[in-house]
Amino acid sequence: MIKKITDNVYQFDPGMVNCFVIDDSGSITLIDTGFTGSEEKIFKGLAGIGRKPTDIKQIILTHLHPDHSGAAAAIQNMLHIPVYASYKDGELIKQGIGMRESMIRMPGLISWLVFNLVLKKAPKVIQPVNDIIDLADGQILPILSGLKVIYTPGHSAGHISLLLEKQQVLIAADICMNTNGLDYSILYEDVPLAKQTLKNISKYNFDIGCFGHGKPLMTNANEKMSKKFS
């Protein structure tokens, strides 16, 4: 089911993860792609907002994990469109590597259950993406009058978040989650770095926060995240 975040931003779940669509006058930017094999679900989601697969002009991957990057190669090969990611994660995505081994599980019963019932068995490889364009911290992409790339490491070394500055929408991906309320993600490569990232994000101006897992925060997202992770 597709959820309208703003007039130009949509969230949908192709299976256990949220992907995002930015519709800039019919030119679609797809942010994250779900697991391998999710392309048809993504295309069906697009149909729900009156768009077709060929309207997708580019893919941005927030990080390398298979639930976010798994279908990128298939969609790129079908549509012959560019794929963007940070250099640190992009170099592994090119090789079909979807997970670094140094993941640390956060404490708690829910974390233990999700890890042992789902994540422990999840794939760690993806179809390699042949060509990836590197994104730099602070880079402004010409999407909806400016989509800002924010380097947000911790969950992965090359994790990025994306800020639509004029709309005050932050696509935070997996710096945290909002499944049973705001909380840390289940796994991180570097927990202290992830916690610092969550403190650093408060300096940006956003009202809406969207996450790779869970519901969006539709009001006062900056304030709520700052209070939770201070």
C-alpha atoms as a PDB file:
ATOM      1  CA  MET A   1       0.000   0.000   0.000  1.00  0.00           C
ATOM      2  CA  ILE A   2       1.354   3.392  -0.978  1.00  0.00           C
ATOM      3  CA  LYS A   3       1.255   6.242   1.542  1.00  0.00           C
ATOM      4  CA  LYS A   4       1.273   9.887   0.519  1.00  0.00           C
ATOM      5  CA  ILE A   5       3.772  11.856   2.606  1.00  0.00           C
ATOM      6  CA  THR A   6       3.486  15.158   0.724  1.00  0.00           C
ATOM      7  CA  ASP A   7       2.183  16.130  -2.708  1.00  0.00           C
ATOM      8  CA  ASN A   8       5.479  14.906  -4.198  1.00  0.00           C
ATOM      9  CA  VAL A   9       6.736  12.208  -1.805  1.00  0.00           C
ATOM     10  CA  TYR A  10       5.312   8.722  -1.337  1.00  0.00           C
ATOM     11  CA  GLN A  11       6.233   5.756   0.856  1.00  0.00           C
ATOM     12  CA  PHE A  12       5.481   2.136   0.089  1.00  0.00           C
ATOM     13  CA  ASP A  13       6.485  -1.275   1.376  1.00  0.00           C
ATOM     14  CA  PRO A  14       7.489  -3.915  -1.201  1.00  0.00           C
ATOM     15  CA  GLY A  15       8.196  -6.328   1.672  1.00  0.00           C
ATOM     16  CA  MET A  16       9.674  -5.670   5.142  1.00  0.00           C
ATOM     17  CA  VAL A  17      11.141  -2.276   4.223  1.00  0.00           C
ATOM     18  CA  ASN A  18       9.988   1.150   3.108  1.00  0.00           C
ATOM     19  CA  CYS A  19      10.987   2.577  -0.249  1.00  0.00           C
ATOM     20  CA  PHE A  20      10.278   6.138  -1.308  1.00  0.00           C
ATOM     21  CA  VAL A  21       9.237   7.880  -4.496  1.00  0.00           C
ATOM     22  CA  ILE A  22       9.856  11.533  -5.243  1.00  0.00           C
ATOM     23  CA  ASP A  23       7.650  12.748  -8.095  1.00  0.00           C
ATOM     24  CA  ASP A  24       9.131  15.859  -9.683  1.00  0.00           C
ATOM     25  CA  SER A  25       6.602  16.794 -12.369  1.00  0.00           C
ATOM     26  CA  GLY A  26       6.401  13.194 -13.560  1.00  0.00           C
ATOM     27  CA  SER A  27      10.130  12.492 -13.286  1.00  0.00           C
ATOM     28  CA  ILE A  28      10.441   9.802 -10.641  1.00  0.00           C
ATOM     29  CA  THR A  29      13.359   9.318  -8.260  1.00  0.00           C
ATOM     30  CA  LEU A  30      13.211   5.946  -6.506  1.00  0.00           C
ATOM     31  CA  ILE A  31      14.898   5.837  -3.117  1.00  0.00           C
ATOM     32  CA  ASP A  32      15.858   2.272  -2.194  1.00  0.00           C
ATOM     33  CA  THR A  33      14.512  -0.798  -3.964  1.00  0.00           C
ATOM     34  CA  GLY A  34      13.664  -3.522  -1.458  1.00  0.00           C
ATOM     35  CA  PHE A  35      14.924  -7.092  -1.573  1.00  0.00           C
ATOM     36  CA  THR A  36      15.897  -8.879  -4.781  1.00  0.00           C
ATOM     37  CA  GLY A  37      12.739  -9.546  -6.784  1.00  0.00           C
ATOM     38  CA  SER A  38      10.855  -6.481  -5.534  1.00  0.00           C
ATOM     39  CA  GLU A  39      10.724  -4.717  -8.895  1.00  0.00           C
ATOM     40  CA  GLU A  40       7.182  -5.794  -9.805  1.00  0.00           C
ATOM     41  CA  LYS A  41       5.862  -4.667  -6.416  1.00  0.00           C
ATOM     42  CA  ILE A  42       7.586  -1.323  -6.935  1.00  0.00           C
ATOM     43  CA  PHE A  43       6.051  -0.939 -10.376  1.00  0.00           C
ATOM     44  CA  LYS A  44       2.632  -1.815  -8.953  1.00  0.00           C
ATOM     45  CA  GLY A  45       3.133   0.859  -6.289  1.00  0.00           C
ATOM     46  CA  LEU A  46       3.921   3.396  -8.993  1.00  0.00           C
ATOM     47  CA  ALA A  47       0.738   2.476 -10.823  1.00  0.00           C
ATOM     48  CA  GLY A  48      -1.122   3.409  -7.647  1.00  0.00           C
ATOM     49  CA  ILE A  49      -0.064   7.031  -8.138  1.00  0.00           C
ATOM     50  CA  GLY A  50      -0.612   7.010 -11.879  1.00  0.00           C
ATOM     51  CA  ARG A  51       3.019   6.491 -12.885  1.00  0.00           C
ATOM     52  CA  LYS A  52       4.680   3.793 -14.955  1.00  0.00           C
ATOM     53  CA  PRO A  53       8.111   2.118 -14.660  1.00  0.00           C
ATOM     54  CA  THR A  54       9.635   4.234 -17.444  1.00  0.00           C
ATOM     55  CA  ASP A  55       8.882   7.357 -15.374  1.00  0.00           C
ATOM     56  CA  ILE A  56      11.709   6.273 -13.019  1.00  0.00           C
ATOM     57  CA  LYS A  57      14.708   8.352 -14.078  1.00  0.00           C
ATOM     58  CA  GLN A  58      17.145   7.473 -11.282  1.00  0.00           C
ATOM     59  CA  ILE A  59      17.646   5.349  -8.188  1.00  0.00           C
ATOM     60  CA  ILE A  60      19.274   6.533  -4.974  1.00  0.00           C
ATOM     61  CA  LEU A  61      20.415   3.876  -2.499  1.00  0.00           C
ATOM     62  CA  THR A  62      20.723   4.989   1.118  1.00  0.00           C
ATOM     63  CA  HIS A  63      23.014   2.043   1.910  1.00  0.00           C
ATOM     64  CA  LEU A  64      24.132  -1.406   0.834  1.00  0.00           C
ATOM     65  CA  HIS A  65      21.898  -3.750   2.848  1.00  0.00           C
ATOM     66  CA  PRO A  66      19.877  -6.216   0.719  1.00  0.00           C
ATOM     67  CA  ASP A  67      16.476  -4.959   1.913  1.00  0.00           C
ATOM     68  CA  HIS A  68      17.393  -1.550   0.477  1.00  0.00           C
ATOM     69  CA  SER A  69      19.552  -2.376  -2.548  1.00  0.00           C
ATOM     70  CA  GLY A  70      18.436  -5.854  -3.620  1.00  0.00           C
ATOM     71  CA  ALA A  71      16.345  -4.937  -6.671  1.00  0.00           C
ATOM     72  CA  ALA A  72      18.526  -2.043  -7.864  1.00  0.00           C
ATOM     73  CA  ALA A  73      20.421  -4.019 -10.513  1.00  0.00           C
ATOM     74  CA  ALA A  74      17.262  -5.531 -11.991  1.00  0.00           C
ATOM     75  CA  ILE A  75      15.539  -2.152 -12.258  1.00  0.00           C
ATOM     76  CA  GLN A  76      18.667  -0.502 -13.660  1.00  0.00           C
ATOM     77  CA  ASN A  77      19.036  -3.221 -16.285  1.00  0.00           C
ATOM     78  CA  MET A  78      15.391  -2.949 -17.304  1.00  0.00           C
ATOM     79  CA  LEU A  79      15.255   0.851 -17.520  1.00  0.00           C
ATOM     80  CA  HIS A  80      18.907   1.819 -18.216  1.00  0.00           C
ATOM     81  CA  ILE A  81      18.916   4.506 -15.534  1.00  0.00           C
ATOM     82  CA  PRO A  82      21.642   5.789 -13.192  1.00  0.00           C
ATOM     83  CA  VAL A  83      22.058   4.497  -9.656  1.00  0.00           C
ATOM     84  CA  TYR A  84      23.501   6.750  -6.953  1.00  0.00           C
ATOM     85  CA  ALA A  85      25.035   5.828  -3.586  1.00  0.00           C
ATOM     86  CA  SER A  86      27.852   6.895  -1.297  1.00  0.00           C
ATOM     87  CA  TYR A  87      31.315   5.731  -2.312  1.00  0.00           C
ATOM     88  CA  LYS A  88      31.865   3.613   0.816  1.00  0.00           C
ATOM     89  CA  ASP A  89      28.765   1.494   0.278  1.00  0.00           C
ATOM     90  CA  GLY A  90      28.645   1.843  -3.500  1.00  0.00           C
ATOM     91  CA  GLU A  91      31.970   0.057  -3.941  1.00  0.00           C
ATOM     92  CA  LEU A  92      30.519  -3.010  -2.199  1.00  0.00           C
ATOM     93  CA  ILE A  93      27.180  -2.829  -4.034  1.00  0.00           C
ATOM     94  CA  LYS A  94      29.119  -3.029  -7.305  1.00  0.00           C
ATOM     95  CA  GLN A  95      30.572  -6.330  -6.085  1.00  0.00           C
ATOM     96  CA  GLY A  96      27.235  -7.753  -4.967  1.00  0.00           C
ATOM     97  CA  ILE A  97      28.126  -7.428  -1.278  1.00  0.00           C
ATOM     98  CA  GLY A  98      25.077  -6.472   0.750  1.00  0.00           C
ATOM     99  CA  MET A  99      26.391  -6.667   4.292  1.00  0.00           C
ATOM    100  CA  ARG A 100      29.597  -6.062   6.197  1.00  0.00           C
ATOM    101  CA  GLU A 101      30.242  -8.762   8.760  1.00  0.00           C
ATOM    102  CA  SER A 102      30.833  -6.421  11.681  1.00  0.00           C
ATOM    103  CA  MET A 103      27.152  -5.856  12.577  1.00  0.00           C
ATOM    104  CA  ILE A 104      26.234  -5.327  16.228  1.00  0.00           C
ATOM    105  CA  ARG A 105      22.756  -6.140  17.520  1.00  0.00           C
ATOM    106  CA  MET A 106      21.189  -3.605  19.861  1.00  0.00           C
ATOM    107  CA  PRO A 107      19.937  -4.908  23.235  1.00  0.00           C
ATOM    108  CA  GLY A 108      16.310  -5.745  24.025  1.00  0.00           C
ATOM    109  CA  LEU A 109      13.739  -8.486  23.489  1.00  0.00           C
ATOM    110  CA  ILE A 110      12.306  -7.078  20.258  1.00  0.00           C
ATOM    111  CA  SER A 111      15.798  -6.699  18.843  1.00  0.00           C
ATOM    112  CA  TRP A 112      16.604 -10.308  19.766  1.00  0.00           C
ATOM    113  CA  LEU A 113      13.389 -11.625  18.216  1.00  0.00           C
ATOM    114  CA  VAL A 114      13.709  -9.698  14.953  1.00  0.00           C
ATOM    115  CA  PHE A 115      17.349 -10.650  14.586  1.00  0.00           C
ATOM    116  CA  ASN A 116      16.853 -14.366  15.248  1.00  0.00           C
ATOM    117  CA  LEU A 117      13.560 -14.803  13.369  1.00  0.00           C
ATOM    118  CA  VAL A 118      14.265 -12.556  10.372  1.00  0.00           C
ATOM    119  CA  LEU A 119      17.661 -10.919  10.006  1.00  0.00           C
ATOM    120  CA  LYS A 120      19.822 -13.922  10.844  1.00  0.00           C
ATOM    121  CA  LYS A 121      18.399 -15.761   7.818  1.00  0.00           C
ATOM    122  CA  ALA A 122      18.238 -12.767   5.482  1.00  0.00           C
ATOM    123  CA  PRO A 123      20.451 -12.737   2.371  1.00  0.00           C
ATOM    124  CA  LYS A 124      23.801 -10.992   2.563  1.00  0.00           C
ATOM    125  CA  VAL A 125      24.458 -10.771  -1.164  1.00  0.00           C
ATOM    126  CA  ILE A 126      22.735  -8.902  -3.990  1.00  0.00           C
ATOM    127  CA  GLN A 127      22.943  -8.794  -7.758  1.00  0.00           C
ATOM    128  CA  PRO A 128      25.897  -6.480  -8.495  1.00  0.00           C
ATOM    129  CA  VAL A 129      25.030  -3.033  -9.811  1.00  0.00           C
ATOM    130  CA  ASN A 130      27.276  -2.394 -12.784  1.00  0.00           C
ATOM    131  CA  ASP A 131      27.665   1.345 -12.498  1.00  0.00           C
ATOM    132  CA  ILE A 132      27.120   3.600  -9.488  1.00  0.00           C
ATOM    133  CA  ILE A 133      27.515   7.376  -9.330  1.00  0.00           C
ATOM    134  CA  ASP A 134      29.124   8.484  -6.065  1.00  0.00           C
ATOM    135  CA  LEU A 135      27.321  10.937  -3.802  1.00  0.00           C
ATOM    136  CA  ALA A 136      29.157  13.314  -1.485  1.00  0.00           C
ATOM    137  CA  ASP A 137      28.130  14.679   1.900  1.00  0.00           C
ATOM    138  CA  GLY A 138      26.333  18.005   1.456  1.00  0.00           C
ATOM    139  CA  GLN A 139      25.763  17.512  -2.261  1.00  0.00           C
ATOM    140  CA  ILE A 140      22.561  19.091  -3.585  1.00  0.00           C
ATOM    141  CA  LEU A 141      20.763  17.099  -6.264  1.00  0.00           C
ATOM    142  CA  PRO A 142      18.433  18.949  -8.679  1.00  0.00           C
ATOM    143  CA  ILE A 143      15.289  17.189  -7.484  1.00  0.00           C
ATOM    144  CA  LEU A 144      12.290  19.218  -6.255  1.00  0.00           C
ATOM    145  CA  SER A 145      14.375  22.400  -5.991  1.00  0.00           C
ATOM    146  CA  GLY A 146      17.076  20.652  -3.998  1.00  0.00           C
ATOM    147  CA  LEU A 147      17.587  17.232  -2.431  1.00  0.00           C
ATOM    148  CA  LYS A 148      20.459  17.357   0.044  1.00  0.00           C
ATOM    149  CA  VAL A 149      22.704  14.355   0.663  1.00  0.00           C
ATOM    150  CA  ILE A 150      23.628  13.947   4.340  1.00  0.00           C
ATOM    151  CA  TYR A 151      26.334  11.490   5.319  1.00  0.00           C
ATOM    152  CA  THR A 152      24.857   9.542   8.279  1.00  0.00           C
ATOM    153  CA  PRO A 153      27.225   6.649   9.094  1.00  0.00           C
ATOM    154  CA  GLY A 154      26.792   4.082  11.844  1.00  0.00           C
ATOM    155  CA  HIS A 155      24.181   1.680  10.545  1.00  0.00           C
ATOM    156  CA  SER A 156      26.610   1.233   7.666  1.00  0.00           C
ATOM    157  CA  ALA A 157      29.870   3.016   6.908  1.00  0.00           C
ATOM    158  CA  GLY A 158      28.402   4.702   3.841  1.00  0.00           C
ATOM    159  CA  HIS A 159      24.831   5.297   4.980  1.00  0.00           C
ATOM    160  CA  ILE A 160      23.212   8.493   3.695  1.00  0.00           C
ATOM    161  CA  SER A 161      19.996  10.308   4.503  1.00  0.00           C
ATOM    162  CA  LEU A 162      18.221  12.674   2.127  1.00  0.00           C
ATOM    163  CA  LEU A 163      16.683  16.049   2.949  1.00  0.00           C
ATOM    164  CA  LEU A 164      14.126  17.860   0.818  1.00  0.00           C
ATOM    165  CA  GLU A 165      14.943  21.247   2.252  1.00  0.00           C
ATOM    166  CA  LYS A 166      11.989  23.275   0.985  1.00  0.00           C
ATOM    167  CA  GLN A 167       9.489  20.586   1.944  1.00  0.00           C
ATOM    168  CA  GLN A 168      11.267  19.928   5.272  1.00  0.00           C
ATOM    169  CA  VAL A 169      11.161  16.170   4.697  1.00  0.00           C
ATOM    170  CA  LEU A 170      14.003  13.943   5.907  1.00  0.00           C
ATOM    171  CA  ILE A 171      14.306  10.444   4.453  1.00  0.00           C
ATOM    172  CA  ALA A 172      16.356   9.009   7.306  1.00  0.00           C
ATOM    173  CA  ALA A 173      16.442   5.370   6.131  1.00  0.00           C
ATOM    174  CA  ASP A 174      17.978   3.195   8.887  1.00  0.00           C
ATOM    175  CA  ILE A 175      19.662   5.667  11.198  1.00  0.00           C
ATOM    176  CA  CYS A 176      16.798   4.652  13.494  1.00  0.00           C
ATOM    177  CA  MET A 177      13.341   3.092  13.133  1.00  0.00           C
ATOM    178  CA  ASN A 178       9.754   3.898  14.077  1.00  0.00           C
ATOM    179  CA  THR A 179       8.023   0.527  14.336  1.00  0.00           C
ATOM    180  CA  ASN A 180       6.908   0.477  17.988  1.00  0.00           C
ATOM    181  CA  GLY A 181       7.744   4.120  18.475  1.00  0.00           C
ATOM    182  CA  LEU A 182      11.094   5.726  17.793  1.00  0.00           C
ATOM    183  CA  ASP A 183      14.021   3.495  18.630  1.00  0.00           C
ATOM    184  CA  TYR A 184      17.457   2.489  17.483  1.00  0.00           C
ATOM    185  CA  SER A 185      17.672   0.180  14.488  1.00  0.00           C
ATOM    186  CA  ILE A 186      18.206  -3.519  15.198  1.00  0.00           C
ATOM    187  CA  LEU A 187      21.766  -3.633  13.826  1.00  0.00           C
ATOM    188  CA  TYR A 188      24.634  -1.178  13.468  1.00  0.00           C
ATOM    189  CA  GLU A 189      28.183  -1.487  12.217  1.00  0.00           C
ATOM    190  CA  ASP A 190      29.365   1.170  14.670  1.00  0.00           C
ATOM    191  CA  VAL A 191      27.070   1.948  17.604  1.00  0.00           C
ATOM    192  CA  PRO A 192      28.920   5.016  19.017  1.00  0.00           C
ATOM    193  CA  LEU A 193      29.093   6.525  15.525  1.00  0.00           C
ATOM    194  CA  ALA A 194      25.392   5.813  14.977  1.00  0.00           C
ATOM    195  CA  LYS A 195      24.500   7.576  18.213  1.00  0.00           C
ATOM    196  CA  GLN A 196      26.579  10.587  17.204  1.00  0.00           C
ATOM    197  CA  THR A 197      24.857  10.619  13.808  1.00  0.00           C
ATOM    198  CA  LEU A 198      21.467  10.743  15.530  1.00  0.00           C
ATOM    199  CA  LYS A 199      22.614  13.745  17.555  1.00  0.00           C
ATOM    200  CA  ASN A 200      24.068  15.467  14.487  1.00  0.00           C
ATOM    201  CA  ILE A 201      20.866  15.143  12.468  1.00  0.00           C
ATOM    202  CA  SER A 202      19.106  17.566  14.809  1.00  0.00           C
ATOM    203  CA  LYS A 203      20.945  20.518  13.257  1.00  0.00           C
ATOM    204  CA  TYR A 204      18.938  20.119  10.052  1.00  0.00           C
ATOM    205  CA  ASN A 205      15.554  21.692   9.476  1.00  0.00           C
ATOM    206  CA  PHE A 206      12.829  19.084   8.930  1.00  0.00           C
ATOM    207  CA  ASP A 207       9.277  18.604  10.117  1.00  0.00           C
ATOM    208  CA  ILE A 208       8.572  15.182   8.581  1.00  0.00           C
ATOM    209  CA  GLY A 209      10.790  12.154   9.156  1.00  0.00           C
ATOM    210  CA  CYS A 210      10.597   8.977   7.064  1.00  0.00           C
ATOM    211  CA  PHE A 211      12.299   5.706   7.930  1.00  0.00           C
ATOM    212  CA  GLY A 212      13.256   2.444   6.307  1.00  0.00           C
ATOM    213  CA  HIS A 213      11.213   0.582   8.904  1.00  0.00           C
ATOM    214  CA  GLY A 214       8.028   1.812  10.521  1.00  0.00           C
ATOM    215  CA  LYS A 215       5.716   4.776  10.188  1.00  0.00           C
ATOM    216  CA  PRO A 216       6.715   8.314   9.230  1.00  0.00           C
ATOM    217  CA  LEU A 217       6.661  11.113  11.760  1.00  0.00           C
ATOM    218  CA  MET A 218       4.367  13.639  10.087  1.00  0.00           C
ATOM    219  CA  THR A 219       4.930  16.565  12.468  1.00  0.00           C
ATOM    220  CA  ASN A 220       7.767  17.851  14.671  1.00  0.00           C
ATOM    221  CA  ALA A 221      10.062  15.018  13.577  1.00  0.00           C
ATOM    222  CA  ASN A 222      13.250  16.904  14.381  1.00  0.00           C
ATOM    223  CA  GLU A 223      12.056  17.702  17.886  1.00  0.00           C
ATOM    224  CA  LYS A 224      10.885  14.137  18.538  1.00  0.00           C
ATOM    225  CA  MET A 225      14.116  12.572  17.289  1.00  0.00           C
ATOM    226  CA  SER A 226      16.253  15.059  19.214  1.00  0.00           C
ATOM    227  CA  LYS A 227      14.362  14.311  22.427  1.00  0.00           C
ATOM    228  CA  LYS A 228      14.591  10.539  21.953  1.00  0.00           C
ATOM    229  CA  PHE A 229      18.264  10.339  20.991  1.00  0.00           C
ATOM    230  CA  SER A 230      19.827  13.223  22.925  1.00  0.00           C
END
